[in-house]
Amino acid sequence: MEHLAALDSPEEIRWLLEQLLTDRELHDIGDRLHIYSLLVSGEYSQRAIAQLAKVSISKVERGASNARSPKVRAYFRKHFPA
């Protein structure tokens, strides 16, 4: 993680992640960020989030258990608003 934090630009971070991860893994990260932002918004049920994000309910449930943490909720509300 220190290596990512030391990079100079979003473009450099993207380039490195594209070298390290498959297209599917990059897509999964995007899905998870979307799921978390919808979860912490409090506007949608887990089932609705699964439909909106086009993912399985089990992916949403995994995110929901983490999103119960006040620290996680505050972070995602600040950095990834829905």
N, C-alpha and C. Protein backbone atom coordinates (compact mmCIF):
# COMPACT_ATOMS: atom_id res chain seq x y z
N MET A 1 0.81 -1.19 0.00
CA MET A 1 0.00 0.00 0.00
C MET A 1 0.86 1.26 0.00
N GLU A 2 1.99 1.19 0.67
CA GLU A 2 2.86 2.37 0.69
C GLU A 2 3.29 2.75 -0.72
N HIS A 3 3.46 1.74 -1.57
CA HIS A 3 3.87 2.02 -2.95
C HIS A 3 2.80 2.81 -3.69
N LEU A 4 1.54 2.43 -3.51
CA LEU A 4 0.45 3.17 -4.16
C LEU A 4 0.38 4.60 -3.63
N ALA A 5 0.51 4.75 -2.33
CA ALA A 5 0.43 6.08 -1.73
C ALA A 5 1.56 6.98 -2.19
N ALA A 6 2.68 6.41 -2.57
CA ALA A 6 3.83 7.20 -2.99
C ALA A 6 3.77 7.64 -4.45
N LEU A 7 2.81 7.12 -5.20
CA LEU A 7 2.72 7.48 -6.62
C LEU A 7 2.26 8.92 -6.78
N ASP A 8 2.65 9.53 -7.90
CA ASP A 8 2.47 10.96 -8.10
C ASP A 8 1.12 11.39 -8.64
N SER A 9 0.41 10.50 -9.32
CA SER A 9 -0.81 10.95 -9.98
C SER A 9 -1.82 9.82 -10.09
N PRO A 10 -3.09 10.17 -10.28
CA PRO A 10 -4.10 9.14 -10.52
C PRO A 10 -3.79 8.30 -11.76
N GLU A 11 -3.20 8.93 -12.76
CA GLU A 11 -2.86 8.20 -13.98
C GLU A 11 -1.82 7.12 -13.70
N GLU A 12 -0.84 7.46 -12.87
CA GLU A 12 0.20 6.49 -12.53
C GLU A 12 -0.39 5.34 -11.70
N ILE A 13 -1.29 5.66 -10.79
CA ILE A 13 -1.96 4.62 -10.00
C ILE A 13 -2.76 3.70 -10.92
N ARG A 14 -3.52 4.30 -11.83
CA ARG A 14 -4.31 3.50 -12.78
C ARG A 14 -3.40 2.58 -13.59
N TRP A 15 -2.32 3.15 -14.12
CA TRP A 15 -1.40 2.35 -14.94
C TRP A 15 -0.88 1.16 -14.14
N LEU A 16 -0.43 1.40 -12.91
CA LEU A 16 0.11 0.31 -12.10
C LEU A 16 -0.95 -0.75 -11.81
N LEU A 17 -2.13 -0.32 -11.43
CA LEU A 17 -3.20 -1.29 -11.16
C LEU A 17 -3.55 -2.10 -12.40
N GLU A 18 -3.51 -1.47 -13.57
CA GLU A 18 -3.77 -2.20 -14.81
C GLU A 18 -2.70 -3.25 -15.09
N GLN A 19 -1.48 -3.04 -14.59
CA GLN A 19 -0.42 -4.03 -14.76
C GLN A 19 -0.58 -5.19 -13.77
N LEU A 20 -1.09 -4.88 -12.58
CA LEU A 20 -1.16 -5.88 -11.51
C LEU A 20 -2.45 -6.70 -11.50
N LEU A 21 -3.53 -6.11 -11.99
CA LEU A 21 -4.84 -6.74 -11.87
C LEU A 21 -5.41 -7.08 -13.24
N THR A 22 -6.27 -8.06 -13.27
CA THR A 22 -6.98 -8.39 -14.51
C THR A 22 -8.10 -7.37 -14.72
N ASP A 23 -8.63 -7.35 -15.93
CA ASP A 23 -9.77 -6.47 -16.21
C ASP A 23 -10.93 -6.79 -15.27
N ARG A 24 -11.15 -8.06 -15.02
CA ARG A 24 -12.24 -8.48 -14.12
C ARG A 24 -12.01 -7.95 -12.71
N GLU A 25 -10.79 -8.04 -12.22
CA GLU A 25 -10.48 -7.55 -10.87
C GLU A 25 -10.68 -6.04 -10.78
N LEU A 26 -10.28 -5.32 -11.80
CA LEU A 26 -10.49 -3.87 -11.82
C LEU A 26 -11.99 -3.55 -11.82
N HIS A 27 -12.74 -4.31 -12.60
CA HIS A 27 -14.19 -4.13 -12.65
C HIS A 27 -14.82 -4.43 -11.28
N ASP A 28 -14.34 -5.48 -10.63
CA ASP A 28 -14.85 -5.84 -9.30
C ASP A 28 -14.60 -4.73 -8.28
N ILE A 29 -13.45 -4.09 -8.36
CA ILE A 29 -13.16 -2.98 -7.45
C ILE A 29 -14.18 -1.86 -7.68
N GLY A 30 -14.44 -1.55 -8.93
CA GLY A 30 -15.44 -0.53 -9.25
C GLY A 30 -16.82 -0.90 -8.72
N ASP A 31 -17.19 -2.18 -8.89
CA ASP A 31 -18.47 -2.66 -8.36
C ASP A 31 -18.55 -2.46 -6.85
N ARG A 32 -17.49 -2.83 -6.16
CA ARG A 32 -17.50 -2.72 -4.70
C ARG A 32 -17.60 -1.28 -4.24
N LEU A 33 -16.90 -0.39 -4.90
CA LEU A 33 -17.00 1.03 -4.54
C LEU A 33 -18.43 1.53 -4.74
N HIS A 34 -19.05 1.11 -5.83
CA HIS A 34 -20.43 1.49 -6.12
C HIS A 34 -21.37 0.93 -5.06
N ILE A 35 -21.19 -0.34 -4.73
CA ILE A 35 -22.03 -1.00 -3.72
C ILE A 35 -21.92 -0.27 -2.38
N TYR A 36 -20.71 0.00 -1.95
CA TYR A 36 -20.51 0.67 -0.66
C TYR A 36 -21.16 2.05 -0.66
N SER A 37 -20.98 2.81 -1.73
CA SER A 37 -21.57 4.15 -1.76
C SER A 37 -23.09 4.08 -1.68
N LEU A 38 -23.70 3.11 -2.34
CA LEU A 38 -25.15 2.95 -2.27
C LEU A 38 -25.58 2.48 -0.88
N LEU A 39 -24.82 1.58 -0.28
CA LEU A 39 -25.15 1.09 1.05
C LEU A 39 -25.15 2.22 2.08
N VAL A 40 -24.10 3.01 2.08
CA VAL A 40 -23.99 4.05 3.12
C VAL A 40 -24.93 5.22 2.87
N SER A 41 -25.46 5.33 1.66
CA SER A 41 -26.43 6.40 1.41
C SER A 41 -27.71 6.15 2.19
N GLY A 42 -27.99 4.88 2.48
CA GLY A 42 -29.19 4.53 3.22
C GLY A 42 -30.47 4.64 2.41
N GLU A 43 -30.36 4.88 1.12
CA GLU A 43 -31.53 5.10 0.27
C GLU A 43 -32.09 3.82 -0.35
N TYR A 44 -31.32 2.74 -0.31
CA TYR A 44 -31.72 1.55 -1.05
C TYR A 44 -31.63 0.30 -0.18
N SER A 45 -32.50 -0.65 -0.46
CA SER A 45 -32.40 -1.96 0.19
C SER A 45 -31.25 -2.72 -0.46
N GLN A 46 -30.80 -3.76 0.21
CA GLN A 46 -29.73 -4.58 -0.37
C GLN A 46 -30.16 -5.19 -1.69
N ARG A 47 -31.39 -5.62 -1.78
CA ARG A 47 -31.90 -6.21 -3.02
C ARG A 47 -31.90 -5.16 -4.15
N ALA A 48 -32.31 -3.95 -3.84
CA ALA A 48 -32.31 -2.88 -4.85
C ALA A 48 -30.89 -2.56 -5.31
N ILE A 49 -29.95 -2.57 -4.37
CA ILE A 49 -28.55 -2.31 -4.72
C ILE A 49 -28.03 -3.39 -5.65
N ALA A 50 -28.36 -4.64 -5.36
CA ALA A 50 -27.93 -5.74 -6.23
C ALA A 50 -28.45 -5.53 -7.65
N GLN A 51 -29.69 -5.09 -7.76
CA GLN A 51 -30.27 -4.86 -9.09
C GLN A 51 -29.62 -3.65 -9.76
N LEU A 52 -29.45 -2.56 -9.02
CA LEU A 52 -28.83 -1.35 -9.59
C LEU A 52 -27.40 -1.61 -10.05
N ALA A 53 -26.64 -2.31 -9.22
CA ALA A 53 -25.23 -2.56 -9.52
C ALA A 53 -25.02 -3.79 -10.40
N LYS A 54 -26.12 -4.52 -10.66
CA LYS A 54 -26.05 -5.74 -11.49
C LYS A 54 -25.03 -6.73 -10.92
N VAL A 55 -25.17 -6.97 -9.60
CA VAL A 55 -24.32 -7.94 -8.91
C VAL A 55 -25.21 -8.87 -8.10
N SER A 56 -24.62 -9.93 -7.58
CA SER A 56 -25.39 -10.87 -6.76
C SER A 56 -25.68 -10.25 -5.39
N ILE A 57 -26.75 -10.72 -4.79
CA ILE A 57 -27.11 -10.25 -3.45
C ILE A 57 -26.01 -10.60 -2.46
N SER A 58 -25.29 -11.70 -2.68
CA SER A 58 -24.22 -12.08 -1.75
C SER A 58 -23.08 -11.07 -1.76
N LYS A 59 -22.79 -10.46 -2.91
CA LYS A 59 -21.77 -9.40 -2.95
C LYS A 59 -22.22 -8.20 -2.12
N VAL A 60 -23.48 -7.87 -2.23
CA VAL A 60 -24.02 -6.74 -1.48
C VAL A 60 -24.00 -7.06 0.01
N GLU A 61 -24.37 -8.28 0.37
CA GLU A 61 -24.39 -8.68 1.79
C GLU A 61 -23.00 -8.60 2.40
N ARG A 62 -21.98 -9.01 1.65
CA ARG A 62 -20.60 -8.91 2.17
C ARG A 62 -20.24 -7.46 2.42
N GLY A 63 -20.59 -6.59 1.50
CA GLY A 63 -20.31 -5.17 1.69
C GLY A 63 -21.10 -4.59 2.84
N ALA A 64 -22.33 -5.05 3.00
CA ALA A 64 -23.20 -4.52 4.06
C ALA A 64 -22.64 -4.81 5.44
N SER A 65 -22.04 -5.97 5.61
CA SER A 65 -21.49 -6.28 6.93
C SER A 65 -20.34 -5.34 7.27
N ASN A 66 -19.52 -4.98 6.30
CA ASN A 66 -18.45 -4.01 6.54
C ASN A 66 -18.99 -2.60 6.69
N ALA A 67 -20.02 -2.28 5.94
CA ALA A 67 -20.56 -0.91 5.93
C ALA A 67 -21.30 -0.57 7.22
N ARG A 68 -21.48 -1.52 8.10
CA ARG A 68 -22.11 -1.23 9.39
C ARG A 68 -21.17 -0.47 10.31
N SER A 69 -19.89 -0.53 10.05
CA SER A 69 -18.90 0.17 10.86
C SER A 69 -19.06 1.68 10.68
N PRO A 70 -19.17 2.44 11.77
CA PRO A 70 -19.29 3.89 11.65
C PRO A 70 -18.11 4.52 10.90
N LYS A 71 -16.92 3.98 11.10
CA LYS A 71 -15.73 4.51 10.42
C LYS A 71 -15.84 4.31 8.91
N VAL A 72 -16.27 3.12 8.50
CA VAL A 72 -16.43 2.82 7.07
C VAL A 72 -17.53 3.70 6.48
N ARG A 73 -18.64 3.82 7.17
CA ARG A 73 -19.75 4.65 6.69
C ARG A 73 -19.30 6.10 6.50
N ALA A 74 -18.60 6.65 7.47
CA ALA A 74 -18.14 8.04 7.38
C ALA A 74 -17.17 8.22 6.22
N TYR A 75 -16.27 7.27 6.05
CA TYR A 75 -15.30 7.36 4.96
C TYR A 75 -15.99 7.37 3.60
N PHE A 76 -16.89 6.43 3.40
CA PHE A 76 -17.55 6.34 2.09
C PHE A 76 -18.50 7.50 1.85
N ARG A 77 -19.15 8.00 2.87
CA ARG A 77 -20.00 9.18 2.68
C ARG A 77 -19.16 10.38 2.25
N LYS A 78 -17.97 10.49 2.80
CA LYS A 78 -17.10 11.63 2.47
C LYS A 78 -16.47 11.49 1.09
N HIS A 79 -15.93 10.32 0.79
CA HIS A 79 -15.12 10.15 -0.42
C HIS A 79 -15.84 9.56 -1.62
N PHE A 80 -16.95 8.86 -1.39
CA PHE A 80 -17.67 8.20 -2.48
C PHE A 80 -19.17 8.40 -2.35
N PRO A 81 -19.64 9.63 -2.41
CA PRO A 81 -21.10 9.84 -2.28
C PRO A 81 -21.85 9.17 -3.42
N ALA A 82 -23.03 8.66 -3.11
CA ALA A 82 -23.84 7.96 -4.11
C ALA A 82 -24.40 8.93 -5.14
